[in-house]
Amino acid sequence: MAGKKRTAAEPPIFDAELADMPADLRWREWMNRIEAVLFAAPKPVEREAPARVIGRDASIDLLIDDIREGLRGKPYDVVSIAGGWAFRTRTAYADAIATSAAVPDRAVDLTQNEAMVLVSIAYHQPVTRAGVSEISGREVSRDVIGALRDKNMITAGPRSPTAGAPFTYVTTKGFLEHFGPRDCS
């Protein structure tokens, strides 16, 4: 099969290993590849994606650490969010970004009641609707649960081991992407 030409339907050959490069240049290229993947991704990038573009024996965590070190002093950083990584601006620049009006507001529009229910679920998850009602001291309607599901803030968790096996609720990756911890060092 030597000399067989690749068809347009076949993916190009991608050299993740870069074995022919000197070690320092190979490491820099792997860092650049991970940065490019993170930059292009609209959501946090899970470990599997960068693992496809770097060598088998390369440490993703060490590469991310080196990328973060290179970004020291920049207005943005690579942060861990929802089990992956993403570029985020540092909080010190939030006012400048808001004042510029260049970035649309990504706020999730929550009513006060939805916010209270969401906080209860986030803190006590997995928790049933009855459990949230008990925590808040008032009945939590199915409509509030439905609204939070529609906003991709919560989802059904495991069934409760109590009588009737009611659904429990847990926060989603969407919740973590929006409210998750941001390492802003």
C-alpha atoms as a PDB file:
ATOM      1  CA  MET A   1       0.000   0.000   0.000  1.00  0.00           C
ATOM      2  CA  ALA A   2       2.978   2.324  -0.093  1.00  0.00           C
ATOM      3  CA  GLY A   3       2.358   5.252  -2.364  1.00  0.00           C
ATOM      4  CA  LYS A   4      -1.431   5.168  -1.868  1.00  0.00           C
ATOM      5  CA  LYS A   5      -2.770   8.702  -2.091  1.00  0.00           C
ATOM      6  CA  ARG A   6      -5.041  10.041   0.579  1.00  0.00           C
ATOM      7  CA  THR A   7      -8.566  10.850  -0.571  1.00  0.00           C
ATOM      8  CA  ALA A   8     -10.389  14.048   0.351  1.00  0.00           C
ATOM      9  CA  ALA A   9     -12.618  12.033   2.701  1.00  0.00           C
ATOM     10  CA  GLU A  10      -9.663  10.782   4.736  1.00  0.00           C
ATOM     11  CA  PRO A  11      -8.478  12.984   7.585  1.00  0.00           C
ATOM     12  CA  PRO A  12      -4.972  14.412   7.262  1.00  0.00           C
ATOM     13  CA  ILE A  13      -2.216  12.605   9.106  1.00  0.00           C
ATOM     14  CA  PHE A  14      -1.630  14.392  12.400  1.00  0.00           C
ATOM     15  CA  ASP A  15       1.648  13.959  14.239  1.00  0.00           C
ATOM     16  CA  ALA A  16       0.847  14.318  17.938  1.00  0.00           C
ATOM     17  CA  GLU A  17       4.160  12.826  19.057  1.00  0.00           C
ATOM     18  CA  LEU A  18       6.510  15.213  17.204  1.00  0.00           C
ATOM     19  CA  ALA A  19       9.337  12.738  17.817  1.00  0.00           C
ATOM     20  CA  ASP A  20      11.595  14.398  15.210  1.00  0.00           C
ATOM     21  CA  MET A  21      11.633  17.719  17.112  1.00  0.00           C
ATOM     22  CA  PRO A  22      14.070  18.659  19.865  1.00  0.00           C
ATOM     23  CA  ALA A  23      12.451  18.274  23.305  1.00  0.00           C
ATOM     24  CA  ASP A  24      12.188  22.011  24.068  1.00  0.00           C
ATOM     25  CA  LEU A  25      10.580  22.814  20.704  1.00  0.00           C
ATOM     26  CA  ARG A  26       8.251  19.824  21.022  1.00  0.00           C
ATOM     27  CA  TRP A  27       7.090  21.024  24.474  1.00  0.00           C
ATOM     28  CA  ARG A  28       6.498  24.549  23.131  1.00  0.00           C
ATOM     29  CA  GLU A  29       4.496  23.171  20.188  1.00  0.00           C
ATOM     30  CA  TRP A  30       2.351  21.066  22.538  1.00  0.00           C
ATOM     31  CA  MET A  31       1.705  24.170  24.666  1.00  0.00           C
ATOM     32  CA  ASN A  32       0.720  26.096  21.521  1.00  0.00           C
ATOM     33  CA  ARG A  33      -1.618  23.314  20.426  1.00  0.00           C
ATOM     34  CA  ILE A  34      -3.371  23.234  23.791  1.00  0.00           C
ATOM     35  CA  GLU A  35      -3.673  27.037  23.797  1.00  0.00           C
ATOM     36  CA  ALA A  36      -5.164  26.934  20.300  1.00  0.00           C
ATOM     37  CA  VAL A  37      -7.701  24.277  21.319  1.00  0.00           C
ATOM     38  CA  LEU A  38      -8.705  26.261  24.429  1.00  0.00           C
ATOM     39  CA  PHE A  39      -8.914  29.515  22.490  1.00  0.00           C
ATOM     40  CA  ALA A  40     -11.139  28.034  19.776  1.00  0.00           C
ATOM     41  CA  ALA A  41     -13.474  26.144  22.128  1.00  0.00           C
ATOM     42  CA  PRO A  42     -16.774  27.805  23.077  1.00  0.00           C
ATOM     43  CA  LYS A  43     -16.988  25.706  26.279  1.00  0.00           C
ATOM     44  CA  PRO A  44     -14.517  24.339  28.808  1.00  0.00           C
ATOM     45  CA  VAL A  45     -12.296  21.705  27.178  1.00  0.00           C
ATOM     46  CA  GLU A  46     -12.154  18.329  28.870  1.00  0.00           C
ATOM     47  CA  ARG A  47      -8.920  16.323  29.142  1.00  0.00           C
ATOM     48  CA  GLU A  48      -9.652  14.101  26.130  1.00  0.00           C
ATOM     49  CA  ALA A  49      -9.435  16.970  23.607  1.00  0.00           C
ATOM     50  CA  PRO A  50      -5.894  18.193  24.387  1.00  0.00           C
ATOM     51  CA  ALA A  51      -4.769  14.580  24.843  1.00  0.00           C
ATOM     52  CA  ARG A  52      -5.434  14.036  21.117  1.00  0.00           C
ATOM     53  CA  VAL A  53      -3.018  16.790  20.052  1.00  0.00           C
ATOM     54  CA  ILE A  54      -0.021  16.034  22.267  1.00  0.00           C
ATOM     55  CA  GLY A  55       2.291  13.063  22.693  1.00  0.00           C
ATOM     56  CA  ARG A  56       1.215  10.009  24.672  1.00  0.00           C
ATOM     57  CA  ASP A  57       3.813  10.594  27.364  1.00  0.00           C
ATOM     58  CA  ALA A  58       3.244  14.349  27.733  1.00  0.00           C
ATOM     59  CA  SER A  59       1.626  15.615  30.933  1.00  0.00           C
ATOM     60  CA  ILE A  60      -1.407  17.773  30.202  1.00  0.00           C
ATOM     61  CA  ASP A  61      -1.293  19.161  33.738  1.00  0.00           C
ATOM     62  CA  LEU A  62       2.353  20.243  33.399  1.00  0.00           C
ATOM     63  CA  LEU A  63       1.659  21.770  29.986  1.00  0.00           C
ATOM     64  CA  ILE A  64      -1.295  23.721  31.438  1.00  0.00           C
ATOM     65  CA  ASP A  65       0.915  24.863  34.341  1.00  0.00           C
ATOM     66  CA  ASP A  66       3.522  26.152  31.864  1.00  0.00           C
ATOM     67  CA  ILE A  67       0.829  27.911  29.807  1.00  0.00           C
ATOM     68  CA  ARG A  68      -0.508  29.557  32.967  1.00  0.00           C
ATOM     69  CA  GLU A  69       3.014  30.631  33.927  1.00  0.00           C
ATOM     70  CA  GLY A  70       3.423  32.222  30.502  1.00  0.00           C
ATOM     71  CA  LEU A  71       0.172  34.139  31.025  1.00  0.00           C
ATOM     72  CA  ARG A  72       1.284  35.635  34.334  1.00  0.00           C
ATOM     73  CA  GLY A  73       0.761  39.376  34.099  1.00  0.00           C
ATOM     74  CA  LYS A  74      -1.758  39.040  31.250  1.00  0.00           C
ATOM     75  CA  PRO A  75      -5.428  40.022  31.687  1.00  0.00           C
ATOM     76  CA  TYR A  76      -6.544  36.447  31.069  1.00  0.00           C
ATOM     77  CA  ASP A  77      -5.658  32.995  32.337  1.00  0.00           C
ATOM     78  CA  VAL A  78      -6.429  29.308  31.871  1.00  0.00           C
ATOM     79  CA  VAL A  79      -8.802  28.179  34.613  1.00  0.00           C
ATOM     80  CA  SER A  80     -10.319  24.852  35.639  1.00  0.00           C
ATOM     81  CA  ILE A  81     -14.081  24.856  35.098  1.00  0.00           C
ATOM     82  CA  ALA A  82     -16.595  22.018  35.052  1.00  0.00           C
ATOM     83  CA  GLY A  83     -13.968  19.302  34.744  1.00  0.00           C
ATOM     84  CA  GLY A  84     -12.073  21.019  31.955  1.00  0.00           C
ATOM     85  CA  TRP A  85     -10.096  24.154  31.135  1.00  0.00           C
ATOM     86  CA  ALA A  86     -11.016  27.464  29.549  1.00  0.00           C
ATOM     87  CA  PHE A  87      -9.579  30.901  28.966  1.00  0.00           C
ATOM     88  CA  ARG A  88     -11.124  33.501  31.274  1.00  0.00           C
ATOM     89  CA  THR A  89     -10.334  37.116  31.896  1.00  0.00           C
ATOM     90  CA  ARG A  90      -9.085  37.993  35.337  1.00  0.00           C
ATOM     91  CA  THR A  91     -11.664  39.607  37.623  1.00  0.00           C
ATOM     92  CA  ALA A  92      -9.513  42.722  37.930  1.00  0.00           C
ATOM     93  CA  TYR A  93     -10.587  43.551  34.351  1.00  0.00           C
ATOM     94  CA  ALA A  94     -14.344  42.990  34.826  1.00  0.00           C
ATOM     95  CA  ASP A  95     -15.113  46.714  35.059  1.00  0.00           C
ATOM     96  CA  ALA A  96     -13.102  47.495  31.932  1.00  0.00           C
ATOM     97  CA  ILE A  97     -14.906  44.763  30.010  1.00  0.00           C
ATOM     98  CA  ALA A  98     -18.343  45.891  31.244  1.00  0.00           C
ATOM     99  CA  THR A  99     -17.577  49.548  30.461  1.00  0.00           C
ATOM    100  CA  SER A 100     -16.449  48.700  26.945  1.00  0.00           C
ATOM    101  CA  ALA A 101     -19.801  47.021  26.179  1.00  0.00           C
ATOM    102  CA  ALA A 102     -17.858  44.838  23.730  1.00  0.00           C
ATOM    103  CA  VAL A 103     -18.986  41.622  25.416  1.00  0.00           C
ATOM    104  CA  PRO A 104     -22.688  40.851  25.785  1.00  0.00           C
ATOM    105  CA  ASP A 105     -23.906  40.204  29.338  1.00  0.00           C
ATOM    106  CA  ARG A 106     -24.017  36.437  29.902  1.00  0.00           C
ATOM    107  CA  ALA A 107     -26.033  36.692  33.095  1.00  0.00           C
ATOM    108  CA  VAL A 108     -28.639  34.043  33.684  1.00  0.00           C
ATOM    109  CA  ASP A 109     -31.893  35.813  34.503  1.00  0.00           C
ATOM    110  CA  LEU A 110     -33.037  34.257  37.793  1.00  0.00           C
ATOM    111  CA  THR A 111     -35.930  35.350  39.962  1.00  0.00           C
ATOM    112  CA  GLN A 112     -35.246  35.674  43.669  1.00  0.00           C
ATOM    113  CA  ASN A 113     -37.173  32.439  44.286  1.00  0.00           C
ATOM    114  CA  GLU A 114     -35.226  30.577  41.546  1.00  0.00           C
ATOM    115  CA  ALA A 115     -31.939  31.836  42.978  1.00  0.00           C
ATOM    116  CA  MET A 116     -32.882  30.615  46.467  1.00  0.00           C
ATOM    117  CA  VAL A 117     -33.874  27.184  45.136  1.00  0.00           C
ATOM    118  CA  LEU A 118     -30.707  26.972  43.024  1.00  0.00           C
ATOM    119  CA  VAL A 119     -28.493  27.813  46.008  1.00  0.00           C
ATOM    120  CA  SER A 120     -30.281  25.158  48.090  1.00  0.00           C
ATOM    121  CA  ILE A 121     -29.800  22.529  45.408  1.00  0.00           C
ATOM    122  CA  ALA A 122     -26.159  23.484  44.837  1.00  0.00           C
ATOM    123  CA  TYR A 123     -25.372  23.266  48.540  1.00  0.00           C
ATOM    124  CA  HIS A 124     -27.370  20.126  49.416  1.00  0.00           C
ATOM    125  CA  GLN A 125     -27.238  18.120  46.163  1.00  0.00           C
ATOM    126  CA  PRO A 126     -28.577  15.625  45.457  1.00  0.00           C
ATOM    127  CA  VAL A 127     -31.793  16.877  47.042  1.00  0.00           C
ATOM    128  CA  THR A 128     -35.490  16.310  46.348  1.00  0.00           C
ATOM    129  CA  ARG A 129     -38.015  19.067  45.709  1.00  0.00           C
ATOM    130  CA  ALA A 130     -39.518  18.278  49.129  1.00  0.00           C
ATOM    131  CA  GLY A 131     -36.053  18.596  50.640  1.00  0.00           C
ATOM    132  CA  VAL A 132     -35.607  22.036  49.077  1.00  0.00           C
ATOM    133  CA  SER A 133     -39.062  23.010  50.399  1.00  0.00           C
ATOM    134  CA  GLU A 134     -38.009  21.896  53.873  1.00  0.00           C
ATOM    135  CA  ILE A 135     -34.739  23.865  53.629  1.00  0.00           C
ATOM    136  CA  SER A 136     -36.471  27.042  52.445  1.00  0.00           C
ATOM    137  CA  GLY A 137     -39.481  26.752  54.730  1.00  0.00           C
ATOM    138  CA  ARG A 138     -41.954  27.100  51.871  1.00  0.00           C
ATOM    139  CA  GLU A 139     -43.313  24.993  49.051  1.00  0.00           C
ATOM    140  CA  VAL A 140     -41.131  24.844  45.938  1.00  0.00           C
ATOM    141  CA  SER A 141     -43.267  24.520  42.830  1.00  0.00           C
ATOM    142  CA  ARG A 142     -42.621  22.267  39.870  1.00  0.00           C
ATOM    143  CA  ASP A 143     -42.596  25.443  37.769  1.00  0.00           C
ATOM    144  CA  VAL A 144     -39.488  26.740  39.571  1.00  0.00           C
ATOM    145  CA  ILE A 145     -37.746  23.382  39.119  1.00  0.00           C
ATOM    146  CA  GLY A 146     -38.773  23.415  35.424  1.00  0.00           C
ATOM    147  CA  ALA A 147     -37.475  26.955  34.949  1.00  0.00           C
ATOM    148  CA  LEU A 148     -34.094  26.034  36.435  1.00  0.00           C
ATOM    149  CA  ARG A 149     -33.934  22.964  34.195  1.00  0.00           C
ATOM    150  CA  ASP A 150     -34.817  25.101  31.148  1.00  0.00           C
ATOM    151  CA  LYS A 151     -31.969  27.482  32.052  1.00  0.00           C
ATOM    152  CA  ASN A 152     -29.581  24.479  32.218  1.00  0.00           C
ATOM    153  CA  MET A 153     -28.801  25.126  35.880  1.00  0.00           C
ATOM    154  CA  ILE A 154     -30.091  21.823  37.313  1.00  0.00           C
ATOM    155  CA  THR A 155     -30.906  18.316  36.134  1.00  0.00           C
ATOM    156  CA  ALA A 156     -32.364  15.161  37.612  1.00  0.00           C
ATOM    157  CA  GLY A 157     -30.039  13.300  39.924  1.00  0.00           C
ATOM    158  CA  PRO A 158     -30.343   9.797  41.316  1.00  0.00           C
ATOM    159  CA  ARG A 159     -33.687   8.664  42.710  1.00  0.00           C
ATOM    160  CA  SER A 160     -34.028   9.235  46.431  1.00  0.00           C
ATOM    161  CA  PRO A 161     -33.973   6.076  48.585  1.00  0.00           C
ATOM    162  CA  THR A 162     -37.046   7.377  50.452  1.00  0.00           C
ATOM    163  CA  ALA A 163     -40.620   6.135  49.994  1.00  0.00           C
ATOM    164  CA  GLY A 164     -41.834   6.675  46.443  1.00  0.00           C
ATOM    165  CA  ALA A 165     -38.264   7.165  45.174  1.00  0.00           C
ATOM    166  CA  PRO A 166     -38.707  10.825  44.176  1.00  0.00           C
ATOM    167  CA  PHE A 167     -36.287  12.510  41.820  1.00  0.00           C
ATOM    168  CA  THR A 168     -33.391  14.414  43.272  1.00  0.00           C
ATOM    169  CA  TYR A 169     -31.820  17.427  41.622  1.00  0.00           C
ATOM    170  CA  VAL A 170     -28.188  18.348  41.057  1.00  0.00           C
ATOM    171  CA  THR A 171     -26.422  21.219  39.360  1.00  0.00           C
ATOM    172  CA  THR A 172     -25.249  20.911  35.748  1.00  0.00           C
ATOM    173  CA  LYS A 173     -22.066  21.705  33.870  1.00  0.00           C
ATOM    174  CA  GLY A 174     -23.917  24.814  32.692  1.00  0.00           C
ATOM    175  CA  PHE A 175     -24.193  25.894  36.339  1.00  0.00           C
ATOM    176  CA  LEU A 176     -20.461  25.293  36.849  1.00  0.00           C
ATOM    177  CA  GLU A 177     -19.562  27.147  33.649  1.00  0.00           C
ATOM    178  CA  HIS A 178     -21.566  30.144  34.783  1.00  0.00           C
ATOM    179  CA  PHE A 179     -21.063  30.178  38.558  1.00  0.00           C
ATOM    180  CA  GLY A 180     -18.153  27.764  38.993  1.00  0.00           C
ATOM    181  CA  PRO A 181     -15.007  28.578  40.865  1.00  0.00           C
ATOM    182  CA  ARG A 182     -12.587  30.658  38.902  1.00  0.00           C
ATOM    183  CA  ASP A 183      -8.933  30.602  39.795  1.00  0.00           C
ATOM    184  CA  CYS A 184      -8.078  34.270  39.354  1.00  0.00           C
ATOM    185  CA  SER A 185      -4.580  34.263  40.776  1.00  0.00           C
END
